[in-house]
Amino acid sequence: MWNLIRMEIKKVPLKPHIAGLLAANFIIFLLSVFTSSLLTASGNISTLPGFAPVRLDTVTLAAMLVKTTLIVWEAVLISVFVIEEYRNKTISLLFTYPIIRTKLIMSKLILICGIMFLFHALSNIFQYASIFLAGKWFDFVTFSFGNILVQTVTTISAILLGLLPLYVGMIKKSTIATVVSSIVIVAIASNSQGSSAGLLSIPVAAIIFGIVGVAFSAIAMRKMILSDLSN
């Protein structure tokens, strides 16, 4: 399995993705700080009518933006590692190897999840460090560590939810459909009616989203295993 994962890593250079990740995190940091300044100027925000206003700290804003950005990014990786190979039928070469198809596909998904976990970890470190330093200079930048267990659960759930576009991508054999479906998922998961920081910030909702992502990716994987590449 690890040999298969190393083989997949060699196919796609990750340096451009790392550079893009740094740029995306810098933009997320600026957006979080800017939004915090607006919230401070305009007052607190509320989730549902009748509920007390809720103040979002800068770290929470950044965490929400990181999760939504990386869900779309995960769809891009799915397109690169899986959908494009099926669309161009280059994956048929892999299937000629004396290796079970399940292992071949699982190696791709494990690699994608591993990359995304690394991206989430690096992004969180960057955001925490940047916001902590910015809080020293600006009063409207608020910093808090939050609950580490909750953050871990919601992060893993976001990664698993990010596998859901694989199902859409395999139906359409389209990278565009894969990415667009991830944007729709982000719009739903970041809905603030359940929480001012989005549904993905609620552990129970995040776990449900994660289960849905795993279920649909399992269906997609079965379709890949049984698919006839000659069609």
Protein backbone atom coordinates (compact mmCIF):
# COMPACT_ATOMS: atom_id res chain seq x y z
CA MET A 1 0.00 0.00 0.00
CA TRP A 2 2.77 2.45 0.95
CA ASN A 3 4.59 1.71 -2.31
CA LEU A 4 1.40 2.59 -4.19
CA ILE A 5 1.07 5.85 -2.24
CA ARG A 6 4.68 6.80 -3.00
CA MET A 7 4.03 6.06 -6.66
CA GLU A 8 0.99 8.35 -6.64
CA ILE A 9 2.96 11.18 -4.98
CA LYS A 10 5.49 11.10 -7.83
CA LYS A 11 2.75 11.68 -10.39
CA VAL A 12 1.73 15.12 -9.13
CA PRO A 13 4.23 17.73 -7.86
CA LEU A 14 3.08 19.09 -4.51
CA LYS A 15 5.30 22.20 -4.44
CA PRO A 16 2.76 24.32 -6.38
CA HIS A 17 0.06 23.19 -3.93
CA ILE A 18 2.22 24.18 -0.94
CA ALA A 19 2.85 27.60 -2.49
CA GLY A 20 -0.87 27.96 -3.15
CA LEU A 21 -1.63 26.93 0.42
CA LEU A 22 0.60 29.69 1.80
CA ALA A 23 -1.06 32.26 -0.44
CA ALA A 24 -4.56 31.04 0.51
CA ASN A 25 -3.73 31.19 4.21
CA PHE A 26 -2.42 34.72 3.93
CA ILE A 27 -5.65 35.77 2.21
CA ILE A 28 -7.72 33.94 4.85
CA PHE A 29 -5.78 35.74 7.59
CA LEU A 30 -6.44 39.14 5.99
CA LEU A 31 -10.15 38.33 5.49
CA SER A 32 -10.50 37.16 9.09
CA VAL A 33 -8.85 40.31 10.46
CA PHE A 34 -10.88 42.55 8.16
CA THR A 35 -14.15 40.81 9.10
CA SER A 36 -13.28 41.10 12.79
CA SER A 37 -12.82 44.83 12.36
CA LEU A 38 -16.22 45.10 10.65
CA LEU A 39 -17.94 43.06 13.39
CA THR A 40 -16.36 45.25 16.04
CA ALA A 41 -17.56 48.38 14.26
CA SER A 42 -21.09 47.16 13.56
CA GLY A 43 -21.67 45.16 16.72
CA ASN A 44 -22.37 41.49 17.37
CA ILE A 45 -24.23 39.18 15.02
CA SER A 46 -27.05 36.75 15.78
CA THR A 47 -27.84 33.34 14.34
CA LEU A 48 -31.62 32.92 14.55
CA PRO A 49 -34.39 35.38 15.49
CA GLY A 50 -34.92 35.38 19.24
CA PHE A 51 -31.41 34.14 20.03
CA ALA A 52 -28.82 36.25 21.79
CA PRO A 53 -26.20 37.96 19.61
CA VAL A 54 -22.97 36.00 19.19
CA ARG A 55 -19.49 37.44 18.89
CA LEU A 56 -17.17 35.56 16.54
CA ASP A 57 -13.52 35.69 17.45
CA THR A 58 -10.91 36.01 14.70
CA VAL A 59 -9.62 32.45 15.18
CA THR A 60 -13.11 31.01 14.68
CA LEU A 61 -13.55 33.02 11.50
CA ALA A 62 -10.19 31.82 10.21
CA ALA A 63 -10.96 28.18 11.10
CA MET A 64 -14.26 28.34 9.21
CA LEU A 65 -12.58 29.81 6.12
CA VAL A 66 -9.77 27.24 6.27
CA LYS A 67 -12.22 24.32 6.36
CA THR A 68 -14.35 25.63 3.50
CA THR A 69 -11.31 26.47 1.36
CA LEU A 70 -9.70 23.08 1.89
CA ILE A 71 -12.91 21.19 1.09
CA VAL A 72 -12.80 22.77 -2.38
CA TRP A 73 -9.06 22.10 -2.54
CA GLU A 74 -9.71 18.45 -1.75
CA ALA A 75 -12.08 18.28 -4.71
CA VAL A 76 -9.26 19.60 -6.90
CA LEU A 77 -6.96 16.83 -5.65
CA ILE A 78 -9.68 14.25 -6.27
CA SER A 79 -9.94 15.56 -9.82
CA VAL A 80 -6.17 15.33 -10.32
CA PHE A 81 -5.60 11.91 -8.76
CA VAL A 82 -8.81 10.12 -9.73
CA ILE A 83 -11.31 11.80 -12.05
CA GLU A 84 -8.81 12.88 -14.71
CA GLU A 85 -7.36 9.37 -14.87
CA TYR A 86 -10.81 7.89 -15.37
CA ARG A 87 -11.85 10.55 -17.87
CA ASN A 88 -8.70 9.99 -19.95
CA LYS A 89 -8.77 6.23 -19.23
CA THR A 90 -5.11 6.34 -18.20
CA ILE A 91 -6.09 4.48 -15.05
CA SER A 92 -6.51 1.38 -17.23
CA LEU A 93 -2.72 1.10 -17.19
CA LEU A 94 -2.76 0.91 -13.38
CA PHE A 95 -5.40 -1.80 -13.52
CA THR A 96 -3.10 -3.97 -15.61
CA TYR A 97 -0.80 -4.32 -12.57
CA PRO A 98 -1.19 -7.55 -10.57
CA ILE A 99 -2.70 -5.55 -7.70
CA ILE A 100 -6.29 -5.58 -6.46
CA ARG A 101 -8.26 -2.57 -7.71
CA THR A 102 -9.43 -1.83 -4.21
CA LYS A 103 -5.85 -1.26 -3.05
CA LEU A 104 -5.09 0.96 -6.03
CA ILE A 105 -8.09 3.20 -5.37
CA MET A 106 -7.65 3.17 -1.59
CA SER A 107 -4.05 4.32 -2.00
CA LYS A 108 -5.30 7.37 -3.90
CA LEU A 109 -7.93 8.23 -1.29
CA ILE A 110 -5.55 7.68 1.63
CA LEU A 111 -3.01 9.95 -0.06
CA ILE A 112 -5.62 12.66 -0.63
CA CYS A 113 -6.81 12.48 3.00
CA GLY A 114 -3.21 12.51 4.22
CA ILE A 115 -2.37 15.60 2.16
CA MET A 116 -5.49 17.37 3.38
CA PHE A 117 -4.72 16.53 7.02
CA LEU A 118 -1.26 18.04 6.53
CA PHE A 119 -2.78 21.11 4.87
CA HIS A 120 -5.26 21.55 7.74
CA ALA A 121 -2.48 21.23 10.32
CA LEU A 122 -0.20 23.71 8.54
CA SER A 123 -3.09 26.12 8.00
CA ASN A 124 -4.15 26.03 11.64
CA ILE A 125 -0.59 26.63 12.82
CA PHE A 126 -0.25 29.57 10.43
CA GLN A 127 -3.58 31.10 11.44
CA TYR A 128 -3.04 30.67 15.17
CA ALA A 129 0.45 32.17 15.03
CA SER A 130 -0.57 35.06 12.76
CA ILE A 131 -3.71 35.95 14.69
CA PHE A 132 -1.90 35.70 18.04
CA LEU A 133 0.73 38.18 16.82
CA ALA A 134 -1.87 40.45 15.21
CA GLY A 135 -3.81 40.50 18.50
CA LYS A 136 -0.83 42.19 20.11
CA TRP A 137 -1.25 45.17 17.80
CA PHE A 138 -4.98 45.40 17.10
CA ASP A 139 -7.70 45.31 19.76
CA PHE A 140 -10.37 44.03 17.37
CA VAL A 141 -8.32 40.88 16.61
CA THR A 142 -9.44 38.32 19.19
CA PHE A 143 -7.54 35.12 19.93
CA SER A 144 -8.62 31.94 21.71
CA PHE A 145 -7.35 28.35 21.58
CA GLY A 146 -10.78 26.78 21.80
CA ASN A 147 -11.42 23.11 22.45
CA ILE A 148 -8.67 20.99 20.83
CA LEU A 149 -10.86 17.84 20.77
CA VAL A 150 -13.70 19.68 19.03
CA GLN A 151 -11.29 21.15 16.50
CA THR A 152 -9.81 17.71 15.79
CA VAL A 153 -13.24 16.14 15.30
CA THR A 154 -14.48 18.92 13.01
CA THR A 155 -11.25 18.88 11.00
CA ILE A 156 -11.35 15.11 10.39
CA SER A 157 -15.06 15.37 9.56
CA ALA A 158 -14.34 18.15 7.05
CA ILE A 159 -11.73 15.96 5.35
CA LEU A 160 -14.16 13.03 5.14
CA LEU A 161 -16.93 15.32 3.87
CA GLY A 162 -14.51 16.52 1.20
CA LEU A 163 -14.58 13.00 -0.29
CA LEU A 164 -18.24 13.40 -1.28
CA PRO A 165 -17.47 15.19 -4.60
CA LEU A 166 -15.79 11.95 -5.70
CA TYR A 167 -19.28 10.46 -6.11
CA VAL A 168 -20.46 13.32 -8.34
CA GLY A 169 -17.20 13.31 -10.28
CA MET A 170 -17.46 9.60 -11.04
CA ILE A 171 -21.03 9.96 -12.29
CA LYS A 172 -20.18 12.82 -14.65
CA LYS A 173 -16.52 11.89 -15.29
CA SER A 174 -15.96 15.63 -15.00
CA THR A 175 -13.48 17.70 -13.00
CA ILE A 176 -15.78 20.72 -13.24
CA ALA A 177 -18.68 18.77 -11.72
CA THR A 178 -16.35 17.58 -8.95
CA VAL A 179 -15.25 21.09 -8.00
CA VAL A 180 -18.73 22.63 -8.37
CA SER A 181 -20.22 19.96 -6.11
CA SER A 182 -17.61 20.83 -3.46
CA ILE A 183 -18.69 24.49 -3.63
CA VAL A 184 -22.31 23.43 -3.06
CA ILE A 185 -21.19 21.31 -0.10
CA VAL A 186 -19.29 24.27 1.33
CA ALA A 187 -22.38 26.47 1.00
CA ILE A 188 -24.41 23.94 2.98
CA ALA A 189 -21.77 23.09 5.60
CA SER A 190 -20.95 26.73 6.30
CA ASN A 191 -24.60 27.66 6.80
CA SER A 192 -24.78 29.86 9.90
CA GLN A 193 -28.36 29.03 10.93
CA GLY A 194 -27.18 26.28 13.26
CA SER A 195 -24.09 28.11 14.43
CA SER A 196 -22.57 31.49 13.71
CA ALA A 197 -19.36 29.68 12.68
CA GLY A 198 -21.18 27.28 10.35
CA LEU A 199 -22.59 23.79 10.78
CA LEU A 200 -19.11 22.28 10.47
CA SER A 201 -18.17 23.89 13.79
CA ILE A 202 -20.82 21.78 15.59
CA PRO A 203 -19.28 18.37 16.44
CA VAL A 204 -22.50 16.36 16.00
CA ALA A 205 -23.30 18.00 12.65
CA ALA A 206 -19.68 17.65 11.55
CA ILE A 207 -19.66 13.92 12.37
CA ILE A 208 -22.88 13.43 10.39
CA PHE A 209 -21.34 15.27 7.45
CA GLY A 210 -18.25 13.08 7.74
CA ILE A 211 -20.33 9.89 7.72
CA VAL A 212 -22.21 11.10 4.63
CA GLY A 213 -18.89 11.81 2.91
CA VAL A 214 -17.54 8.34 3.71
CA ALA A 215 -20.78 6.66 2.60
CA PHE A 216 -20.87 8.37 -0.79
CA SER A 217 -17.15 7.87 -1.36
CA ALA A 218 -17.63 4.14 -0.63
CA ILE A 219 -20.39 4.01 -3.25
CA ALA A 220 -18.12 5.83 -5.70
CA MET A 221 -15.26 3.45 -4.93
CA ARG A 222 -17.47 0.44 -5.60
CA LYS A 223 -18.48 2.01 -8.91
CA MET A 224 -14.79 2.47 -9.78
CA ILE A 225 -13.93 -1.11 -8.89
CA LEU A 226 -16.74 -2.55 -10.98
CA SER A 227 -16.56 -0.08 -13.85
CA ASP A 228 -15.79 -1.21 -17.38
CA LEU A 229 -13.11 1.15 -18.65
CA SER A 230 -13.77 0.18 -22.25
CA ASN A 231 -17.05 2.14 -22.19
